[in-house]
């Protein structure tokens, strides 16, 4: 099993910690504490606006804000960004010293200050190319022709005892 994002890109979860063998969410008491706390926090964040949009529009024009699509940072100090502003966050984090706040409570405030002061990624800054897989788009396994898997039976109809085979004997190829 691998890692998956749930609800928003960014935070990644070990599938085996979150899902049972049928692909359903495990009961919360079976999920490790740190993972459980992130999942509970994620429930609150999934419908939140992009924080960069909010810095531009504020509460008075909150309907102008895009919905958050990615979450970065630690719970309660996370940065929520939409697709449009994700490159701004990534640029700040990678190129403008944001890595010094990795794992720190100050991450959100430091990004907000940089963005509010006019910080933006250059127009040609790509950010991250996301690969999303919709389970409905995964192809079904090809049909196997049972004839291709059939094993030639000896002409005399006798069974071959594999425990009593002389491995040094040459057999004709078919």
N, C-alpha and C. Protein backbone atom coordinates (compact mmCIF):
# COMPACT_ATOMS: atom_id res chain seq x y z
N UNK A 1 0.84 -1.18 0.00
CA UNK A 1 0.00 0.00 0.00
C UNK A 1 0.89 1.24 0.00
N UNK A 2 0.35 2.31 -0.54
CA UNK A 2 1.12 3.53 -0.64
C UNK A 2 0.53 4.64 0.20
N UNK A 3 0.90 5.85 -0.16
CA UNK A 3 0.39 7.03 0.53
C UNK A 3 -0.67 7.68 -0.33
N UNK A 4 -1.66 8.25 0.33
CA UNK A 4 -2.76 8.90 -0.37
C UNK A 4 -3.09 10.24 0.28
N UNK A 5 -3.61 11.16 -0.53
CA UNK A 5 -4.18 12.40 -0.02
C UNK A 5 -5.68 12.16 0.13
N UNK A 6 -6.27 12.76 1.13
CA UNK A 6 -7.70 12.61 1.37
C UNK A 6 -8.31 14.00 1.49
N UNK A 7 -9.25 14.31 0.62
CA UNK A 7 -9.95 15.59 0.70
C UNK A 7 -9.19 16.75 0.09
N UNK A 8 -7.97 16.98 0.53
CA UNK A 8 -7.10 18.04 0.01
C UNK A 8 -5.74 17.45 -0.32
N UNK A 9 -5.08 17.97 -1.33
CA UNK A 9 -3.71 17.54 -1.61
C UNK A 9 -2.80 18.07 -0.50
N UNK A 10 -1.67 17.46 -0.36
CA UNK A 10 -0.67 17.95 0.58
C UNK A 10 -0.39 16.95 1.68
N UNK A 11 -1.30 16.82 2.63
CA UNK A 11 -1.10 15.83 3.68
C UNK A 11 -1.29 14.45 3.08
N UNK A 12 -0.33 13.58 3.36
CA UNK A 12 -0.36 12.22 2.80
C UNK A 12 -0.51 11.23 3.95
N UNK A 13 -1.32 10.22 3.73
CA UNK A 13 -1.61 9.22 4.75
C UNK A 13 -1.22 7.83 4.23
N UNK A 14 -0.69 7.00 5.10
CA UNK A 14 -0.44 5.60 4.76
C UNK A 14 -1.79 4.91 4.63
N UNK A 15 -2.05 4.32 3.47
CA UNK A 15 -3.34 3.67 3.24
C UNK A 15 -3.67 2.65 4.34
N UNK A 16 -2.67 1.85 4.73
CA UNK A 16 -2.90 0.80 5.72
C UNK A 16 -3.27 1.33 7.09
N UNK A 17 -2.91 2.58 7.40
CA UNK A 17 -3.27 3.17 8.69
C UNK A 17 -4.71 3.69 8.69
N UNK A 18 -5.23 4.02 7.51
CA UNK A 18 -6.51 4.69 7.41
C UNK A 18 -7.64 3.78 6.91
N UNK A 19 -7.31 2.86 6.00
CA UNK A 19 -8.33 2.03 5.36
C UNK A 19 -8.19 0.57 5.75
N UNK A 20 -9.33 -0.12 5.83
CA UNK A 20 -9.30 -1.55 6.10
C UNK A 20 -9.12 -2.31 4.79
N UNK A 21 -9.17 -3.63 4.84
CA UNK A 21 -8.90 -4.45 3.65
C UNK A 21 -9.97 -4.28 2.57
N UNK A 22 -11.16 -3.77 2.93
CA UNK A 22 -12.21 -3.52 1.94
C UNK A 22 -12.15 -2.11 1.36
N UNK A 23 -11.17 -1.30 1.81
CA UNK A 23 -11.04 0.06 1.32
C UNK A 23 -11.92 1.06 2.06
N UNK A 24 -12.51 0.65 3.16
CA UNK A 24 -13.35 1.54 3.97
C UNK A 24 -12.49 2.15 5.08
N UNK A 25 -12.92 3.34 5.58
CA UNK A 25 -12.21 3.96 6.69
C UNK A 25 -12.27 3.04 7.90
N UNK A 26 -11.14 2.91 8.58
CA UNK A 26 -11.10 2.16 9.82
C UNK A 26 -11.81 2.97 10.90
N UNK A 27 -12.30 2.32 11.96
CA UNK A 27 -12.82 3.09 13.10
C UNK A 27 -11.70 3.97 13.67
N UNK A 28 -12.05 5.16 14.14
CA UNK A 28 -11.03 6.11 14.61
C UNK A 28 -10.13 5.52 15.69
N UNK A 29 -10.66 4.67 16.56
CA UNK A 29 -9.82 4.12 17.63
C UNK A 29 -8.79 3.11 17.12
N UNK A 30 -8.88 2.72 15.85
CA UNK A 30 -7.89 1.81 15.25
C UNK A 30 -6.84 2.57 14.44
N UNK A 31 -6.99 3.89 14.33
CA UNK A 31 -6.06 4.71 13.55
C UNK A 31 -5.05 5.32 14.52
N UNK A 32 -3.74 5.28 14.18
CA UNK A 32 -2.73 5.88 15.06
C UNK A 32 -3.07 7.33 15.40
N UNK A 33 -2.71 7.76 16.61
CA UNK A 33 -3.12 9.06 17.15
C UNK A 33 -2.77 10.24 16.23
N UNK A 34 -1.53 10.32 15.76
CA UNK A 34 -1.14 11.47 14.92
C UNK A 34 -1.97 11.51 13.64
N UNK A 35 -2.16 10.36 13.02
CA UNK A 35 -2.96 10.27 11.80
C UNK A 35 -4.40 10.64 12.09
N UNK A 36 -4.93 10.15 13.20
CA UNK A 36 -6.32 10.44 13.60
C UNK A 36 -6.51 11.95 13.79
N UNK A 37 -5.54 12.61 14.44
CA UNK A 37 -5.66 14.06 14.65
C UNK A 37 -5.67 14.82 13.33
N UNK A 38 -4.83 14.40 12.38
CA UNK A 38 -4.82 15.06 11.06
C UNK A 38 -6.14 14.85 10.34
N UNK A 39 -6.68 13.63 10.41
CA UNK A 39 -7.96 13.35 9.75
C UNK A 39 -9.08 14.18 10.36
N UNK A 40 -9.09 14.30 11.66
CA UNK A 40 -10.13 15.09 12.32
C UNK A 40 -9.99 16.57 11.95
N UNK A 41 -8.78 17.05 11.88
CA UNK A 41 -8.54 18.45 11.48
C UNK A 41 -8.96 18.65 10.03
N UNK A 42 -8.65 17.67 9.19
CA UNK A 42 -8.98 17.74 7.77
C UNK A 42 -10.47 17.88 7.54
N UNK A 43 -11.28 17.26 8.38
CA UNK A 43 -12.73 17.39 8.26
C UNK A 43 -13.16 18.85 8.31
N UNK A 44 -12.50 19.63 9.15
CA UNK A 44 -12.83 21.05 9.29
C UNK A 44 -12.29 21.89 8.13
N UNK A 45 -11.18 21.46 7.56
CA UNK A 45 -10.50 22.26 6.54
C UNK A 45 -11.04 22.07 5.13
N UNK A 46 -11.63 20.94 4.86
CA UNK A 46 -12.00 20.56 3.51
C UNK A 46 -12.92 21.57 2.82
N UNK A 47 -13.72 22.29 3.55
CA UNK A 47 -14.63 23.27 2.94
C UNK A 47 -14.16 24.71 3.15
N UNK A 48 -12.93 24.87 3.60
CA UNK A 48 -12.41 26.21 3.89
C UNK A 48 -11.96 26.93 2.62
N UNK A 49 -11.94 28.28 2.68
CA UNK A 49 -11.42 29.04 1.53
C UNK A 49 -9.90 29.04 1.51
N UNK A 50 -9.36 29.30 0.35
CA UNK A 50 -7.92 29.49 0.18
C UNK A 50 -7.51 30.69 1.05
N UNK A 51 -6.46 30.53 1.82
CA UNK A 51 -6.01 31.61 2.69
C UNK A 51 -5.41 32.77 1.91
N UNK A 52 -4.78 32.49 0.79
CA UNK A 52 -4.23 33.58 -0.04
C UNK A 52 -5.38 34.40 -0.62
N UNK A 53 -6.42 33.73 -1.11
CA UNK A 53 -7.60 34.46 -1.60
C UNK A 53 -8.21 35.30 -0.49
N UNK A 54 -8.27 34.73 0.70
CA UNK A 54 -8.85 35.44 1.84
C UNK A 54 -8.03 36.69 2.17
N UNK A 55 -6.70 36.58 2.06
CA UNK A 55 -5.86 37.77 2.30
C UNK A 55 -6.16 38.87 1.28
N UNK A 56 -6.55 38.49 0.09
CA UNK A 56 -6.88 39.47 -0.95
C UNK A 56 -8.29 40.04 -0.74
N UNK A 57 -9.27 39.18 -0.49
CA UNK A 57 -10.67 39.59 -0.47
C UNK A 57 -11.23 39.86 0.93
N UNK A 58 -10.67 39.21 1.95
CA UNK A 58 -11.16 39.40 3.31
C UNK A 58 -12.54 38.81 3.54
N UNK A 59 -13.04 38.98 4.75
CA UNK A 59 -14.34 38.44 5.12
C UNK A 59 -15.48 39.12 4.36
N UNK A 60 -15.31 40.39 4.02
CA UNK A 60 -16.39 41.12 3.35
C UNK A 60 -16.68 40.59 1.95
N UNK A 61 -15.69 39.98 1.29
CA UNK A 61 -15.90 39.39 -0.05
C UNK A 61 -15.49 37.92 -0.05
N UNK A 62 -15.83 37.21 1.01
CA UNK A 62 -15.41 35.82 1.16
C UNK A 62 -15.91 34.94 0.00
N UNK A 63 -17.04 35.31 -0.60
CA UNK A 63 -17.57 34.52 -1.72
C UNK A 63 -16.67 34.59 -2.95
N UNK A 64 -15.76 35.57 -3.00
CA UNK A 64 -14.81 35.68 -4.10
C UNK A 64 -13.62 34.72 -3.93
N UNK A 65 -13.48 34.14 -2.75
CA UNK A 65 -12.36 33.24 -2.48
C UNK A 65 -12.59 31.86 -3.11
N UNK A 66 -11.53 31.32 -3.67
CA UNK A 66 -11.58 29.95 -4.17
C UNK A 66 -11.56 28.98 -2.99
N UNK A 67 -12.12 27.82 -3.20
CA UNK A 67 -12.05 26.77 -2.18
C UNK A 67 -10.61 26.25 -2.13
N UNK A 68 -10.17 25.91 -0.93
CA UNK A 68 -8.83 25.33 -0.77
C UNK A 68 -8.77 23.98 -1.48
N UNK A 69 -7.62 23.71 -2.09
CA UNK A 69 -7.40 22.43 -2.76
C UNK A 69 -6.19 21.70 -2.19
N UNK A 70 -5.34 22.41 -1.44
CA UNK A 70 -4.13 21.80 -0.88
C UNK A 70 -3.90 22.33 0.53
N UNK A 71 -3.31 21.48 1.35
CA UNK A 71 -2.99 21.85 2.73
C UNK A 71 -1.52 21.54 2.97
N UNK A 72 -0.82 22.49 3.57
CA UNK A 72 0.60 22.32 3.90
C UNK A 72 0.81 22.74 5.35
N UNK A 73 1.80 22.15 5.98
CA UNK A 73 2.12 22.51 7.35
C UNK A 73 1.53 21.53 8.35
N UNK A 74 1.58 21.93 9.59
CA UNK A 74 1.11 21.09 10.69
C UNK A 74 -0.29 21.50 11.12
N UNK A 75 -1.06 20.55 11.67
CA UNK A 75 -2.41 20.89 12.13
C UNK A 75 -2.40 22.12 13.04
N UNK A 76 -3.35 23.00 12.80
CA UNK A 76 -3.58 24.26 13.51
C UNK A 76 -2.61 25.37 13.11
N UNK A 77 -1.64 25.05 12.25
CA UNK A 77 -0.76 26.08 11.69
C UNK A 77 -0.60 25.81 10.19
N UNK A 78 -1.65 25.23 9.63
CA UNK A 78 -1.59 24.83 8.23
C UNK A 78 -1.90 26.00 7.30
N UNK A 79 -1.38 25.87 6.07
CA UNK A 79 -1.65 26.84 5.01
C UNK A 79 -2.56 26.14 4.02
N UNK A 80 -3.68 26.77 3.71
CA UNK A 80 -4.65 26.25 2.75
C UNK A 80 -4.58 27.11 1.49
N UNK A 81 -4.38 26.49 0.36
CA UNK A 81 -4.28 27.25 -0.89
C UNK A 81 -5.11 26.58 -1.99
N UNK A 82 -5.55 27.41 -2.92
CA UNK A 82 -6.25 26.92 -4.11
C UNK A 82 -5.20 26.62 -5.19
N UNK A 83 -5.66 26.11 -6.31
CA UNK A 83 -4.75 25.79 -7.41
C UNK A 83 -4.00 27.03 -7.90
N UNK A 84 -4.68 28.17 -7.94
CA UNK A 84 -4.08 29.42 -8.41
C UNK A 84 -2.95 29.89 -7.49
N UNK A 85 -3.10 29.71 -6.19
CA UNK A 85 -2.12 30.24 -5.24
C UNK A 85 -1.14 29.18 -4.69
N UNK A 86 -1.32 27.94 -5.08
CA UNK A 86 -0.37 26.92 -4.64
C UNK A 86 1.05 27.22 -5.13
N UNK A 87 1.24 27.66 -6.37
CA UNK A 87 2.61 28.03 -6.79
C UNK A 87 3.21 29.14 -5.93
N UNK A 88 2.39 30.08 -5.45
CA UNK A 88 2.90 31.15 -4.58
C UNK A 88 3.44 30.55 -3.29
N UNK A 89 2.68 29.64 -2.69
CA UNK A 89 3.15 29.01 -1.46
C UNK A 89 4.43 28.22 -1.71
N UNK A 90 4.44 27.42 -2.76
CA UNK A 90 5.61 26.58 -3.05
C UNK A 90 6.84 27.43 -3.35
N UNK A 91 6.65 28.53 -4.08
CA UNK A 91 7.77 29.43 -4.36
C UNK A 91 8.31 30.01 -3.05
N UNK A 92 7.41 30.50 -2.20
CA UNK A 92 7.83 31.05 -0.91
C UNK A 92 8.57 29.99 -0.10
N UNK A 93 8.03 28.80 -0.07
CA UNK A 93 8.62 27.74 0.73
C UNK A 93 10.00 27.33 0.21
N UNK A 94 10.11 27.16 -1.10
CA UNK A 94 11.36 26.67 -1.70
C UNK A 94 12.41 27.76 -1.93
N UNK A 95 11.96 28.94 -2.35
CA UNK A 95 12.89 29.96 -2.83
C UNK A 95 13.04 31.17 -1.89
N UNK A 96 12.09 31.39 -1.02
CA UNK A 96 12.09 32.60 -0.19
C UNK A 96 12.28 32.30 1.29
N UNK A 97 12.82 31.14 1.61
CA UNK A 97 13.15 30.83 3.00
C UNK A 97 12.06 30.16 3.82
N UNK A 98 10.99 29.77 3.19
CA UNK A 98 9.91 29.13 3.94
C UNK A 98 10.29 27.81 4.59
N UNK A 99 11.33 27.16 4.07
CA UNK A 99 11.73 25.87 4.65
C UNK A 99 12.17 26.00 6.11
N UNK A 100 12.61 27.20 6.51
CA UNK A 100 13.01 27.38 7.91
C UNK A 100 11.84 27.21 8.87
N UNK A 101 10.61 27.27 8.35
CA UNK A 101 9.42 27.13 9.18
C UNK A 101 8.81 25.72 9.11
N UNK A 102 9.48 24.82 8.40
CA UNK A 102 8.96 23.46 8.25
C UNK A 102 8.77 22.83 9.63
N UNK A 103 7.53 22.35 9.88
CA UNK A 103 7.21 21.72 11.15
C UNK A 103 6.98 22.70 12.29
N UNK A 104 7.04 23.99 12.02
CA UNK A 104 6.91 25.01 13.07
C UNK A 104 5.52 25.65 13.04
N UNK A 105 5.09 26.11 14.20
CA UNK A 105 3.80 26.80 14.31
C UNK A 105 3.77 28.11 13.55
N UNK A 106 4.92 28.70 13.28
CA UNK A 106 5.00 30.00 12.61
C UNK A 106 4.81 29.92 11.09
N UNK A 107 4.72 28.73 10.53
CA UNK A 107 4.63 28.56 9.07
C UNK A 107 3.51 29.41 8.48
N UNK A 108 2.31 29.25 9.00
CA UNK A 108 1.16 29.95 8.44
C UNK A 108 1.35 31.47 8.53
N UNK A 109 1.73 31.96 9.68
CA UNK A 109 1.89 33.41 9.85
C UNK A 109 2.99 33.97 8.94
N UNK A 110 4.09 33.23 8.80
CA UNK A 110 5.19 33.70 7.96
C UNK A 110 4.76 33.76 6.50
N UNK A 111 4.04 32.74 6.03
CA UNK A 111 3.56 32.78 4.65
C UNK A 111 2.57 33.93 4.48
N UNK A 112 1.64 34.08 5.41
CA UNK A 112 0.65 35.17 5.31
C UNK A 112 1.33 36.53 5.23
N UNK A 113 2.35 36.76 6.05
CA UNK A 113 3.07 38.04 6.02
C UNK A 113 3.72 38.27 4.66
N UNK A 114 4.40 37.25 4.14
CA UNK A 114 5.06 37.36 2.84
C UNK A 114 4.04 37.67 1.75
N UNK A 115 2.93 36.94 1.75
CA UNK A 115 1.91 37.11 0.72
C UNK A 115 1.24 38.48 0.85
N UNK A 116 0.90 38.88 2.08
CA UNK A 116 0.25 40.17 2.31
C UNK A 116 1.15 41.34 1.91
N UNK A 117 2.48 41.14 1.99
CA UNK A 117 3.44 42.17 1.58
C UNK A 117 3.69 42.17 0.07
N UNK A 118 2.87 41.44 -0.68
CA UNK A 118 2.99 41.42 -2.14
C UNK A 118 3.81 40.28 -2.69
N UNK A 119 4.25 39.36 -1.83
CA UNK A 119 5.04 38.23 -2.31
C UNK A 119 4.22 37.33 -3.22
N UNK A 120 4.78 37.02 -4.38
CA UNK A 120 4.12 36.14 -5.34
C UNK A 120 5.19 35.35 -6.09
N UNK A 121 4.80 34.21 -6.60
CA UNK A 121 5.70 33.43 -7.45
C UNK A 121 5.83 34.14 -8.79
N UNK A 122 7.01 34.06 -9.42
CA UNK A 122 7.13 34.62 -10.77
C UNK A 122 6.13 33.94 -11.71
N UNK A 123 5.70 34.64 -12.72
CA UNK A 123 4.69 34.13 -13.64
C UNK A 123 5.01 32.80 -14.28
N UNK A 124 6.29 32.50 -14.44
CA UNK A 124 6.66 31.24 -15.10
C UNK A 124 6.93 30.11 -14.10
N UNK A 125 6.65 30.36 -12.82
CA UNK A 125 6.93 29.34 -11.80
C UNK A 125 5.87 28.24 -11.87
N UNK A 126 6.32 27.01 -12.07
CA UNK A 126 5.41 25.89 -12.31
C UNK A 126 4.81 25.30 -11.05
N UNK A 127 5.54 25.22 -9.97
CA UNK A 127 5.02 24.57 -8.77
C UNK A 127 5.17 23.06 -8.86
N UNK A 128 4.08 22.34 -8.64
CA UNK A 128 4.09 20.87 -8.65
C UNK A 128 3.12 20.38 -9.69
N UNK A 129 3.52 19.33 -10.42
CA UNK A 129 2.58 18.67 -11.31
C UNK A 129 1.94 17.54 -10.54
N UNK A 130 0.64 17.63 -10.34
CA UNK A 130 -0.08 16.61 -9.57
C UNK A 130 -0.59 15.53 -10.49
N UNK A 131 -0.50 14.31 -10.02
CA UNK A 131 -1.05 13.17 -10.74
C UNK A 131 -2.22 12.67 -9.92
N UNK A 132 -3.39 12.74 -10.50
CA UNK A 132 -4.58 12.29 -9.79
C UNK A 132 -5.12 11.07 -10.51
N UNK A 133 -5.52 10.10 -9.74
CA UNK A 133 -6.06 8.87 -10.30
C UNK A 133 -7.49 8.70 -9.83
N UNK A 134 -8.39 8.64 -10.78
CA UNK A 134 -9.78 8.35 -10.47
C UNK A 134 -9.95 6.84 -10.60
N UNK A 135 -10.38 6.17 -9.53
CA UNK A 135 -10.50 4.71 -9.60
C UNK A 135 -11.34 4.25 -10.78
N UNK A 136 -12.30 5.06 -11.23
CA UNK A 136 -13.11 4.68 -12.38
C UNK A 136 -12.33 4.69 -13.68
N UNK A 137 -11.19 5.40 -13.71
CA UNK A 137 -10.38 5.47 -14.92
C UNK A 137 -9.33 4.36 -15.01
N UNK A 138 -9.19 3.58 -13.95
CA UNK A 138 -8.21 2.50 -13.97
C UNK A 138 -8.76 1.38 -14.83
N UNK A 139 -8.01 0.91 -15.81
CA UNK A 139 -8.54 -0.12 -16.71
C UNK A 139 -8.75 -1.45 -15.99
N UNK A 140 -9.74 -2.20 -16.46
CA UNK A 140 -9.96 -3.55 -15.94
C UNK A 140 -8.85 -4.45 -16.45
N UNK A 141 -8.49 -5.47 -15.67
CA UNK A 141 -7.47 -6.39 -16.17
C UNK A 141 -7.98 -7.06 -17.44
N UNK A 142 -7.05 -7.36 -18.32
CA UNK A 142 -7.46 -7.98 -19.58
C UNK A 142 -7.99 -9.38 -19.31
N UNK A 143 -8.86 -9.81 -20.19
CA UNK A 143 -9.40 -11.17 -20.09
C UNK A 143 -8.29 -12.16 -20.44
N UNK A 144 -8.20 -13.20 -19.66
CA UNK A 144 -7.20 -14.23 -19.90
C UNK A 144 -7.86 -15.38 -20.64
N UNK A 145 -7.24 -15.81 -21.73
CA UNK A 145 -7.76 -16.93 -22.50
C UNK A 145 -7.30 -18.22 -21.82
N UNK A 146 -8.24 -19.01 -21.31
CA UNK A 146 -7.87 -20.24 -20.61
C UNK A 146 -7.06 -21.19 -21.49
N UNK A 147 -7.27 -21.12 -22.81
CA UNK A 147 -6.51 -21.98 -23.73
C UNK A 147 -5.02 -21.66 -23.68
N UNK A 148 -4.68 -20.36 -23.46
CA UNK A 148 -3.27 -19.97 -23.39
C UNK A 148 -2.59 -20.52 -22.16
N UNK A 149 -3.35 -20.75 -21.11
CA UNK A 149 -2.79 -21.23 -19.86
C UNK A 149 -2.84 -22.76 -19.74
N UNK A 150 -3.48 -23.41 -20.68
CA UNK A 150 -3.63 -24.87 -20.60
C UNK A 150 -2.27 -25.55 -20.73
N UNK A 151 -2.10 -26.59 -19.96
CA UNK A 151 -0.87 -27.37 -19.98
C UNK A 151 -1.12 -28.62 -20.82
N UNK A 152 -0.18 -28.90 -21.71
CA UNK A 152 -0.31 -30.10 -22.53
C UNK A 152 -0.29 -31.34 -21.64
N UNK A 153 -1.27 -32.21 -21.85
CA UNK A 153 -1.35 -33.47 -21.10
C UNK A 153 -0.58 -34.55 -21.86
N UNK A 154 0.01 -35.48 -21.13
CA UNK A 154 0.69 -36.57 -21.82
C UNK A 154 -0.29 -37.35 -22.69
N UNK A 155 0.19 -37.82 -23.87
CA UNK A 155 -0.68 -38.51 -24.82
C UNK A 155 -1.25 -39.80 -24.25
N UNK A 156 -0.51 -40.46 -23.35
CA UNK A 156 -1.00 -41.72 -22.82
C UNK A 156 -2.00 -41.51 -21.68
N UNK A 157 -2.29 -40.24 -21.31
CA UNK A 157 -3.27 -39.95 -20.28
C UNK A 157 -2.77 -40.14 -18.86
N UNK A 158 -1.52 -40.57 -18.70
CA UNK A 158 -0.98 -40.77 -17.35
C UNK A 158 -0.58 -39.44 -16.75
N UNK A 159 -0.73 -39.37 -15.44
CA UNK A 159 -0.30 -38.17 -14.72
C UNK A 159 1.21 -38.20 -14.53
N UNK A 160 1.79 -37.03 -14.47
CA UNK A 160 3.22 -36.93 -14.22
C UNK A 160 3.39 -36.68 -12.72
N UNK A 161 4.19 -37.51 -12.08
CA UNK A 161 4.47 -37.32 -10.66
C UNK A 161 5.71 -36.43 -10.56
N UNK A 162 5.50 -35.20 -10.18
CA UNK A 162 6.59 -34.23 -10.15
C UNK A 162 7.61 -34.56 -9.07
N UNK A 163 7.24 -35.42 -8.12
CA UNK A 163 8.19 -35.82 -7.09
C UNK A 163 9.17 -36.86 -7.61
N UNK A 164 8.84 -37.46 -8.77
CA UNK A 164 9.66 -38.53 -9.30
C UNK A 164 10.09 -38.20 -10.73
N UNK A 165 10.67 -37.01 -10.92
CA UNK A 165 11.10 -36.59 -12.25
C UNK A 165 12.62 -36.54 -12.25
N UNK A 166 13.20 -37.08 -13.29
CA UNK A 166 14.64 -37.02 -13.45
C UNK A 166 14.97 -35.70 -14.13
N UNK A 167 15.49 -34.76 -13.36
CA UNK A 167 15.76 -33.42 -13.89
C UNK A 167 16.87 -33.41 -14.93
N UNK A 168 17.65 -34.46 -15.00
CA UNK A 168 18.72 -34.52 -15.99
C UNK A 168 18.24 -35.03 -17.33
N UNK A 169 17.03 -35.57 -17.38
CA UNK A 169 16.49 -36.14 -18.62
C UNK A 169 16.07 -35.04 -19.57
N UNK A 170 16.35 -35.20 -20.82
CA UNK A 170 15.95 -34.26 -21.86
C UNK A 170 14.53 -34.58 -22.31
N UNK A 171 13.70 -33.55 -22.39
CA UNK A 171 12.33 -33.74 -22.87
C UNK A 171 12.19 -32.99 -24.18
N UNK A 172 11.46 -33.58 -25.12
CA UNK A 172 11.25 -32.87 -26.38
C UNK A 172 10.39 -31.63 -26.17
N UNK A 173 10.72 -30.57 -26.87
CA UNK A 173 9.90 -29.35 -26.78
C UNK A 173 8.75 -29.46 -27.74
N UNK A 174 7.63 -28.86 -27.39
CA UNK A 174 6.47 -28.93 -28.26
C UNK A 174 6.35 -27.76 -29.16
